[in-house]
Amino acid sequence: MKKTKSYSSRILRKIKRRKLFDYSYEQPASIPGTLNISQDAIFPNIALIDYDSTQANLITNLSPEACGDHLYTDSVSWFDIGGLGNEDFWQRIGSVFGLHPLILEDIVNVPQRPKIENYQDQLIIITKMVLPNLDGGGFCLEQVSFVVGQKYLLTVQEGSDRDCFEPIRQRIQFNKGNIRIKGTDYLAYALWDAIIDGFFPLLEIYSEKIEELENEVLFNPTNSTLAKIYQTKRELLALRRAVWTQRNALNVLVRDKSPLITDETIIYLRDCYDHAVQIIDIIETYRELTSSLTDIYLSAVSNKMNEVMKLLTVVSSIFIPLTFVAGIYGMNFNPEASPWNMPELNWYWGYPFFWVMMGIISTSMIYFFWKKGWFSNITPPNQRH
């Protein structure tokens, strides 16, 4: 179930549509294990990769009942379900895999907080996978659920069109590395590590975005610049929340362990934990940079205004004495009534003398301001880059 709030900011509404901050919650006094599936949820597609050290087979479009034939074989069975479908489908899945109703609730009622849960012979892992938006900038977060069994791994994704697991599928198909000689715990680690590493390319995009914002703030700040900074801060906060909770879940799994996770796989999970900590450090650095961009933006706008005021002050200072002279000679005193009433009006060279005097005053003031260095910090807007 998706929380809805009313925001006055267009940016927040846009981010809210990307499901960056949603968490699932139940109606008060609802029955435990109630499944709340969206009406527009994608119908599930079950793909099975069954492998051992000698072979790997891919089977698609399995039915829930057909999955039971591959649960307790000597090979490792990876059931990948894309889409949340309907309640009947999940009741059948729960019956085949022996899933507790609360497990189905955590899997279907998305999004959930990343966490680790132990259910007798099953280990439940809830994670967040980041995917870049195909319609432009930004990203979206999708929940991925792991059900780790002794000889099988069940993964559930919200969508079925794209994920970050293709390199793992290639490793299984072409027998790269040692994944085909390991168990389901190593497969769960490999998939979780792919999810964590999927944050790094996105952080590279945000690194370039922050650099562009720095240039914009320093050289050409506009009214939309502050909105871009605020949007970037909100998106980085969403990334931090997604990785932070996964780091905590990894820490719980490494510290408390599980009968389904071998000591050798725990070592690999520690490396995955280090990657999560590294991502958090990078995100914190980017958040500090975006926070400082707000102060730089305000300073840049203030400096821009100071430059404009300084230019206007220089122009006004030049025209003040010219206006004074023009005001004096604009007075209507009759020179014929008294020899003291503006005798310059009767001079033969009076009008050229007036313009020469104006030119001398203007040139002198411009030279004085230039010697004082007043023009050194005044940069035309089209030359600031």
Protein backbone atom coordinates (compact mmCIF):
# COMPACT_ATOMS: atom_id res chain seq x y z
CA MET A 1 0.00 0.00 0.00
CA LYS A 2 1.38 3.35 -0.96
CA LYS A 3 1.33 6.29 1.38
CA THR A 4 0.03 9.52 -0.10
CA LYS A 5 0.72 13.03 1.11
CA SER A 6 -0.04 16.45 -0.21
CA TYR A 7 3.02 18.51 -1.09
CA SER A 8 2.96 22.02 -2.42
CA SER A 9 6.25 21.56 -4.20
CA ARG A 10 6.19 20.16 -7.71
CA ILE A 11 9.57 18.57 -7.10
CA LEU A 12 8.33 16.59 -4.12
CA ARG A 13 5.32 15.36 -6.06
CA LYS A 14 7.61 14.23 -8.87
CA ILE A 15 9.89 12.40 -6.44
CA LYS A 16 6.88 10.87 -4.72
CA ARG A 17 5.72 9.38 -8.01
CA ARG A 18 9.11 7.67 -8.29
CA LYS A 19 8.44 5.82 -5.02
CA LEU A 20 11.52 7.15 -3.28
CA PHE A 21 10.09 7.52 0.21
CA ASP A 22 7.09 5.16 0.30
CA TYR A 23 6.70 2.46 2.88
CA SER A 24 3.96 -0.11 3.11
CA TYR A 25 1.62 -0.05 6.08
CA GLU A 26 -1.47 -1.95 7.06
CA GLN A 27 -4.89 -0.75 8.02
CA PRO A 28 -5.42 -0.74 11.80
CA ALA A 29 -6.52 -4.12 13.20
CA SER A 30 -6.04 -5.87 9.84
CA ILE A 31 -5.47 -9.63 9.79
CA PRO A 32 -1.76 -10.60 9.85
CA GLY A 33 -0.67 -11.85 6.44
CA THR A 34 -3.19 -9.76 4.51
CA LEU A 35 -2.00 -9.26 0.93
CA ASN A 36 -2.55 -5.83 -0.59
CA ILE A 37 -1.74 -6.03 -4.29
CA SER A 38 -2.14 -3.10 -6.63
CA GLN A 39 -4.66 -3.59 -9.41
CA ASP A 40 -2.11 -2.57 -12.04
CA ALA A 41 0.55 -5.00 -10.77
CA ILE A 42 2.38 -6.95 -13.47
CA PHE A 43 1.31 -10.59 -13.76
CA PRO A 44 4.17 -12.76 -12.51
CA ASN A 45 6.51 -14.64 -14.77
CA ILE A 46 8.52 -17.46 -13.21
CA ALA A 47 11.94 -18.22 -14.67
CA LEU A 48 14.05 -21.09 -13.35
CA ILE A 49 17.80 -21.52 -13.66
CA ASP A 50 18.72 -25.00 -12.48
CA TYR A 51 22.45 -25.64 -12.33
CA ASP A 52 25.29 -27.63 -10.83
CA SER A 53 29.00 -27.90 -11.54
CA THR A 54 28.44 -29.59 -14.92
CA GLN A 55 25.35 -27.99 -16.46
CA ALA A 56 22.89 -25.09 -16.28
CA ASN A 57 19.33 -25.15 -17.63
CA LEU A 58 16.93 -22.25 -18.14
CA ILE A 59 13.18 -22.84 -17.97
CA THR A 60 10.70 -19.98 -18.40
CA ASN A 61 6.97 -19.52 -17.87
CA LEU A 62 6.73 -22.04 -15.07
CA SER A 63 3.51 -22.47 -13.12
CA PRO A 64 3.62 -22.36 -9.31
CA GLU A 65 2.84 -26.07 -9.11
CA ALA A 66 5.64 -26.96 -11.55
CA CYS A 67 8.17 -25.29 -9.25
CA GLY A 68 7.67 -28.07 -6.71
CA ASP A 69 9.40 -30.56 -9.01
CA HIS A 70 12.70 -28.65 -8.70
CA LEU A 71 12.76 -27.81 -5.00
CA TYR A 72 14.57 -30.77 -3.51
CA THR A 73 16.99 -31.87 -6.22
CA ASP A 74 20.77 -32.19 -5.93
CA SER A 75 21.26 -29.10 -8.12
CA VAL A 76 20.74 -25.45 -7.17
CA SER A 77 17.41 -24.02 -8.32
CA TRP A 78 17.00 -20.27 -8.73
CA PHE A 79 13.35 -19.27 -9.13
CA ASP A 80 13.10 -15.67 -10.32
CA ILE A 81 9.60 -14.17 -10.22
CA GLY A 82 9.04 -10.85 -11.96
CA GLY A 83 5.79 -9.08 -11.10
CA LEU A 84 3.43 -9.18 -8.13
CA GLY A 85 0.38 -10.60 -9.91
CA ASN A 86 -2.67 -11.45 -7.82
CA GLU A 87 -3.49 -13.02 -4.48
CA ASP A 88 -4.40 -16.44 -5.92
CA PHE A 89 -0.99 -16.75 -7.53
CA TRP A 90 0.80 -16.03 -4.26
CA GLN A 91 -1.35 -18.39 -2.28
CA ARG A 92 -0.27 -21.13 -4.68
CA ILE A 93 3.38 -20.06 -4.40
CA GLY A 94 3.10 -20.05 -0.61
CA SER A 95 1.67 -23.56 -0.66
CA VAL A 96 4.43 -24.92 -2.93
CA PHE A 97 7.36 -23.30 -1.11
CA GLY A 98 5.85 -23.57 2.36
CA LEU A 99 5.97 -19.81 2.96
CA HIS A 100 4.63 -18.34 6.17
CA PRO A 101 1.78 -15.83 5.64
CA LEU A 102 3.98 -13.06 7.07
CA ILE A 103 6.62 -13.88 4.45
CA LEU A 104 4.05 -13.44 1.69
CA GLU A 105 2.98 -10.18 3.29
CA ASP A 106 6.55 -8.82 3.25
CA ILE A 107 7.06 -9.93 -0.35
CA VAL A 108 3.80 -8.65 -1.82
CA ASN A 109 2.97 -5.54 0.23
CA VAL A 110 5.67 -3.34 -1.24
CA PRO A 111 7.66 -1.40 -0.45
CA GLN A 112 9.08 -2.78 2.79
CA ARG A 113 12.09 -1.71 4.78
CA PRO A 114 15.18 -3.84 3.93
CA LYS A 115 15.60 -6.48 6.62
CA ILE A 116 16.58 -10.05 7.50
CA GLU A 117 14.13 -12.63 8.89
CA ASN A 118 14.74 -16.27 9.87
CA TYR A 119 11.87 -18.78 9.49
CA GLN A 120 13.07 -22.26 10.51
CA ASP A 121 14.49 -23.67 7.26
CA GLN A 122 14.14 -20.42 5.28
CA LEU A 123 16.00 -17.12 5.34
CA ILE A 124 14.13 -14.01 4.16
CA ILE A 125 16.04 -11.02 2.77
CA ILE A 126 14.27 -7.80 1.73
CA THR A 127 16.43 -5.40 -0.30
CA LYS A 128 16.13 -2.31 -2.50
CA MET A 129 17.33 -2.28 -6.10
CA VAL A 130 18.04 1.05 -7.79
CA LEU A 131 17.22 1.48 -11.48
CA PRO A 132 17.75 4.61 -13.61
CA ASN A 133 14.60 6.09 -15.11
CA LEU A 134 14.23 5.39 -18.82
CA ASP A 135 12.31 8.63 -19.43
CA GLY A 136 15.13 10.93 -18.36
CA GLY A 137 17.11 11.75 -15.23
CA GLY A 138 16.58 10.39 -11.77
CA PHE A 139 15.99 6.85 -10.64
CA CYS A 140 13.45 4.54 -9.05
CA LEU A 141 13.74 2.03 -6.24
CA GLU A 142 12.23 -1.44 -6.53
CA GLN A 143 11.96 -4.05 -3.83
CA VAL A 144 13.66 -7.40 -4.32
CA SER A 145 12.84 -10.26 -1.94
CA PHE A 146 15.01 -13.35 -1.37
CA VAL A 147 13.79 -16.62 0.10
CA VAL A 148 16.86 -18.76 0.72
CA GLY A 149 16.29 -22.49 1.15
CA GLN A 150 18.64 -25.43 1.43
CA LYS A 151 18.70 -26.17 -2.31
CA TYR A 152 16.70 -23.33 -3.82
CA LEU A 153 16.58 -19.56 -3.96
CA LEU A 154 13.38 -17.66 -4.66
CA THR A 155 13.72 -14.04 -5.78
CA VAL A 156 10.74 -11.75 -6.28
CA GLN A 157 10.92 -8.45 -8.16
CA GLU A 158 8.24 -5.80 -8.56
CA GLY A 159 8.77 -5.60 -12.32
CA SER A 160 9.74 -8.12 -14.94
CA ASP A 161 11.25 -5.91 -17.64
CA ARG A 162 14.71 -5.11 -16.26
CA ASP A 163 17.03 -5.74 -13.33
CA CYS A 164 20.74 -5.82 -12.45
CA PHE A 165 21.05 -9.61 -12.37
CA GLU A 166 22.09 -10.21 -15.97
CA PRO A 167 25.83 -10.51 -15.12
CA ILE A 168 24.97 -13.23 -12.59
CA ARG A 169 22.93 -15.09 -15.19
CA GLN A 170 25.89 -14.87 -17.58
CA ARG A 171 28.25 -16.22 -14.93
CA ILE A 172 25.97 -19.20 -14.35
CA GLN A 173 25.39 -19.87 -18.05
CA PHE A 174 29.06 -19.70 -19.07
CA ASN A 175 30.40 -21.15 -15.80
CA LYS A 176 32.51 -18.12 -14.92
CA GLY A 177 34.07 -18.00 -11.48
CA ASN A 178 33.05 -20.49 -8.84
CA ILE A 179 29.34 -19.73 -8.63
CA ARG A 180 28.28 -23.11 -10.06
CA ILE A 181 30.19 -25.05 -7.41
CA LYS A 182 28.67 -23.03 -4.56
CA GLY A 183 25.30 -23.29 -2.87
CA THR A 184 22.23 -21.11 -2.64
CA ASP A 185 23.83 -18.89 0.02
CA TYR A 186 26.59 -17.87 -2.40
CA LEU A 187 24.00 -17.22 -5.12
CA ALA A 188 22.07 -14.98 -2.72
CA TYR A 189 25.30 -13.13 -1.91
CA ALA A 190 26.13 -12.68 -5.62
CA LEU A 191 22.68 -11.22 -6.35
CA TRP A 192 22.77 -8.95 -3.31
CA ASP A 193 26.26 -7.79 -4.22
CA ALA A 194 25.00 -6.95 -7.73
CA ILE A 195 22.24 -4.85 -6.15
CA ILE A 196 24.71 -2.97 -3.94
CA ASP A 197 27.18 -2.41 -6.79
CA GLY A 198 24.31 -1.08 -8.91
CA PHE A 199 24.45 2.12 -6.84
CA PHE A 200 27.96 3.03 -8.03
CA PRO A 201 27.08 3.91 -11.67
CA LEU A 202 24.24 6.07 -10.40
CA LEU A 203 26.60 7.89 -8.04
CA GLU A 204 28.86 8.65 -11.01
CA ILE A 205 25.90 10.34 -12.67
CA TYR A 206 25.25 12.40 -9.56
CA SER A 207 28.93 13.35 -9.39
CA GLU A 208 28.67 14.89 -12.86
CA LYS A 209 25.33 16.46 -11.97
CA ILE A 210 26.76 18.13 -8.87
CA GLU A 211 29.72 19.41 -10.90
CA GLU A 212 27.32 20.95 -13.43
CA LEU A 213 25.35 22.52 -10.59
CA GLU A 214 28.56 24.01 -9.18
CA ASN A 215 29.35 25.65 -12.52
CA GLU A 216 25.80 26.92 -12.82
CA VAL A 217 25.79 28.29 -9.29
CA LEU A 218 29.12 30.06 -9.70
CA PHE A 219 28.70 31.50 -13.18
CA ASN A 220 25.04 31.71 -14.09
CA PRO A 221 22.65 31.16 -11.15
CA THR A 222 18.97 31.36 -12.10
CA ASN A 223 15.68 30.87 -10.32
CA SER A 224 15.59 27.19 -11.33
CA THR A 225 19.07 26.52 -9.91
CA LEU A 226 17.84 26.38 -6.33
CA ALA A 227 15.07 23.95 -7.34
CA LYS A 228 17.65 21.66 -8.99
CA ILE A 229 19.79 21.72 -5.85
CA TYR A 230 16.82 20.88 -3.66
CA GLN A 231 15.74 18.02 -5.93
CA THR A 232 19.27 16.58 -5.90
CA LYS A 233 19.36 16.73 -2.10
CA ARG A 234 16.06 14.86 -1.85
CA GLU A 235 17.19 12.17 -4.27
CA LEU A 236 20.47 11.69 -2.42
CA LEU A 237 18.52 11.38 0.82
CA ALA A 238 16.41 8.62 -0.76
CA LEU A 239 19.56 6.80 -1.88
CA ARG A 240 21.04 7.10 1.59
CA ARG A 241 17.94 5.63 3.20
CA ALA A 242 17.92 2.73 0.75
CA VAL A 243 21.60 1.85 1.28
CA TRP A 244 21.65 2.57 5.02
CA THR A 245 18.95 0.00 5.77
CA GLN A 246 20.65 -2.57 3.55
CA ARG A 247 23.90 -1.99 5.39
CA ASN A 248 22.10 -2.68 8.67
CA ALA A 249 20.58 -5.86 7.23
CA LEU A 250 23.99 -7.05 6.04
CA ASN A 251 25.44 -6.31 9.46
CA VAL A 252 22.73 -8.40 11.12
CA LEU A 253 23.37 -11.31 8.75
CA VAL A 254 27.15 -11.16 9.22
CA ARG A 255 26.95 -10.77 13.00
CA ASP A 256 24.16 -13.19 13.88
CA LYS A 257 24.77 -15.65 11.04
CA SER A 258 22.27 -18.26 9.88
CA PRO A 259 22.29 -22.05 9.45
CA LEU A 260 21.72 -21.51 5.73
CA ILE A 261 24.80 -19.26 5.34
CA THR A 262 28.23 -20.90 5.42
CA ASP A 263 31.25 -19.30 7.06
CA GLU A 264 32.89 -18.95 3.65
CA THR A 265 29.94 -16.96 2.31
CA ILE A 266 30.03 -14.76 5.44
CA ILE A 267 33.45 -13.54 4.32
CA TYR A 268 31.99 -12.49 0.96
CA LEU A 269 29.09 -10.79 2.73
CA ARG A 270 31.59 -8.74 4.72
CA ASP A 271 32.98 -7.45 1.43
CA CYS A 272 29.43 -6.60 0.34
CA TYR A 273 28.99 -4.77 3.65
CA ASP A 274 32.15 -2.75 2.93
CA HIS A 275 30.71 -1.75 -0.44
CA ALA A 276 27.53 -0.52 1.26
CA VAL A 277 29.59 1.54 3.75
CA GLN A 278 31.61 3.01 0.87
CA ILE A 279 28.41 4.00 -0.95
CA ILE A 280 27.08 5.67 2.19
CA ASP A 281 30.33 7.65 2.55
CA ILE A 282 30.08 8.84 -1.05
CA ILE A 283 26.42 9.81 -0.62
CA GLU A 284 27.23 11.74 2.56
CA THR A 285 29.96 13.62 0.70
CA TYR A 286 27.58 14.48 -2.12
CA ARG A 287 24.92 15.62 0.36
CA GLU A 288 27.42 17.96 2.01
CA LEU A 289 28.37 19.33 -1.40
CA THR A 290 24.75 19.99 -2.33
CA SER A 291 24.13 21.63 1.05
CA SER A 292 27.08 23.94 0.48
CA LEU A 293 25.75 24.72 -3.01
CA THR A 294 22.76 26.41 -1.40
CA ASP A 295 25.05 28.81 0.48
CA ILE A 296 27.14 29.35 -2.64
CA TYR A 297 23.97 30.08 -4.61
CA LEU A 298 22.88 32.74 -2.13
CA SER A 299 26.38 34.25 -2.15
CA ALA A 300 26.50 34.20 -5.96
CA VAL A 301 23.12 35.91 -6.21
CA SER A 302 24.24 38.50 -3.66
CA ASN A 303 27.52 39.09 -5.53
CA LYS A 304 25.64 39.38 -8.79
CA MET A 305 23.40 42.01 -7.24
CA ASN A 306 26.43 43.81 -5.82
CA GLU A 307 28.02 43.96 -9.27
CA VAL A 308 24.85 45.42 -10.73
CA MET A 309 24.59 47.97 -7.93
CA LYS A 310 28.26 48.84 -8.32
CA LEU A 311 27.84 49.45 -12.04
CA LEU A 312 24.76 51.56 -11.44
CA THR A 313 26.61 53.52 -8.76
CA VAL A 314 29.50 54.26 -11.13
CA VAL A 315 27.12 55.39 -13.87
CA SER A 316 25.12 57.51 -11.44
CA SER A 317 28.32 59.06 -10.02
CA ILE A 318 29.40 60.11 -13.52
CA PHE A 319 26.05 61.67 -14.36
CA ILE A 320 25.58 63.51 -11.06
CA PRO A 321 27.98 66.41 -11.87
CA LEU A 322 26.76 66.44 -15.49
CA THR A 323 23.19 66.74 -14.25
CA PHE A 324 24.29 69.52 -11.89
CA VAL A 325 25.89 71.52 -14.74
CA ALA A 326 22.94 70.89 -17.05
CA GLY A 327 20.56 71.98 -14.29
CA ILE A 328 22.36 75.26 -13.79
CA TYR A 329 22.30 76.15 -17.46
CA GLY A 330 18.69 75.10 -17.67
CA MET A 331 17.61 77.96 -15.36
CA ASN A 332 15.69 80.78 -17.06
CA PHE A 333 17.64 83.85 -15.91
CA ASN A 334 17.53 86.68 -18.46
CA PRO A 335 21.15 87.79 -19.18
CA GLU A 336 19.88 91.17 -20.43
CA ALA A 337 18.42 92.04 -17.03
CA SER A 338 21.82 91.81 -15.27
CA PRO A 339 25.43 91.18 -16.33
CA TRP A 340 25.56 88.46 -13.61
CA ASN A 341 22.74 86.45 -15.12
CA MET A 342 24.55 83.69 -17.03
CA PRO A 343 26.91 85.73 -19.22
CA GLU A 344 28.06 82.45 -20.84
CA LEU A 345 24.83 82.37 -22.83
CA ASN A 346 26.07 85.31 -24.90
CA TRP A 347 29.52 83.86 -25.58
CA TYR A 348 30.36 82.96 -29.14
CA TRP A 349 31.88 79.58 -28.08
CA GLY A 350 29.54 79.04 -25.11
CA TYR A 351 27.80 75.91 -26.43
CA PRO A 352 31.04 74.11 -27.50
CA PHE A 353 32.58 75.16 -24.17
CA PHE A 354 29.69 73.48 -22.35
CA TRP A 355 30.28 70.11 -24.16
CA VAL A 356 34.02 70.27 -23.67
CA MET A 357 33.49 70.86 -19.95
CA MET A 358 31.07 67.89 -19.84
CA GLY A 359 33.62 65.67 -21.58
CA ILE A 360 36.43 66.73 -19.24
CA ILE A 361 34.29 66.03 -16.15
CA SER A 362 33.18 62.59 -17.43
CA THR A 363 36.67 61.56 -18.49
CA SER A 364 38.18 62.70 -15.22
CA MET A 365 35.67 60.73 -13.16
CA ILE A 366 36.06 57.58 -15.27
CA TYR A 367 39.85 57.84 -14.91
CA PHE A 368 39.50 58.34 -11.16
CA PHE A 369 37.24 55.28 -10.77
CA TRP A 370 39.56 53.21 -12.91
CA LYS A 371 42.59 54.16 -10.77
CA LYS A 372 40.59 53.16 -7.69
CA GLY A 373 39.92 49.75 -9.24
CA TRP A 374 36.15 50.05 -9.35
CA PHE A 375 35.92 48.51 -12.83
CA SER A 376 38.05 45.44 -12.06
CA ASN A 377 35.20 43.33 -10.57
CA ILE A 378 32.47 44.38 -12.98
CA THR A 379 32.14 41.57 -15.53
CA PRO A 380 29.52 41.63 -18.28
CA PRO A 381 26.97 38.79 -17.93
CA ASN A 382 27.86 37.29 -21.32
CA GLN A 383 31.53 36.95 -20.32
CA ARG A 384 31.13 35.24 -16.93
CA HIS A 385 31.79 31.78 -18.35
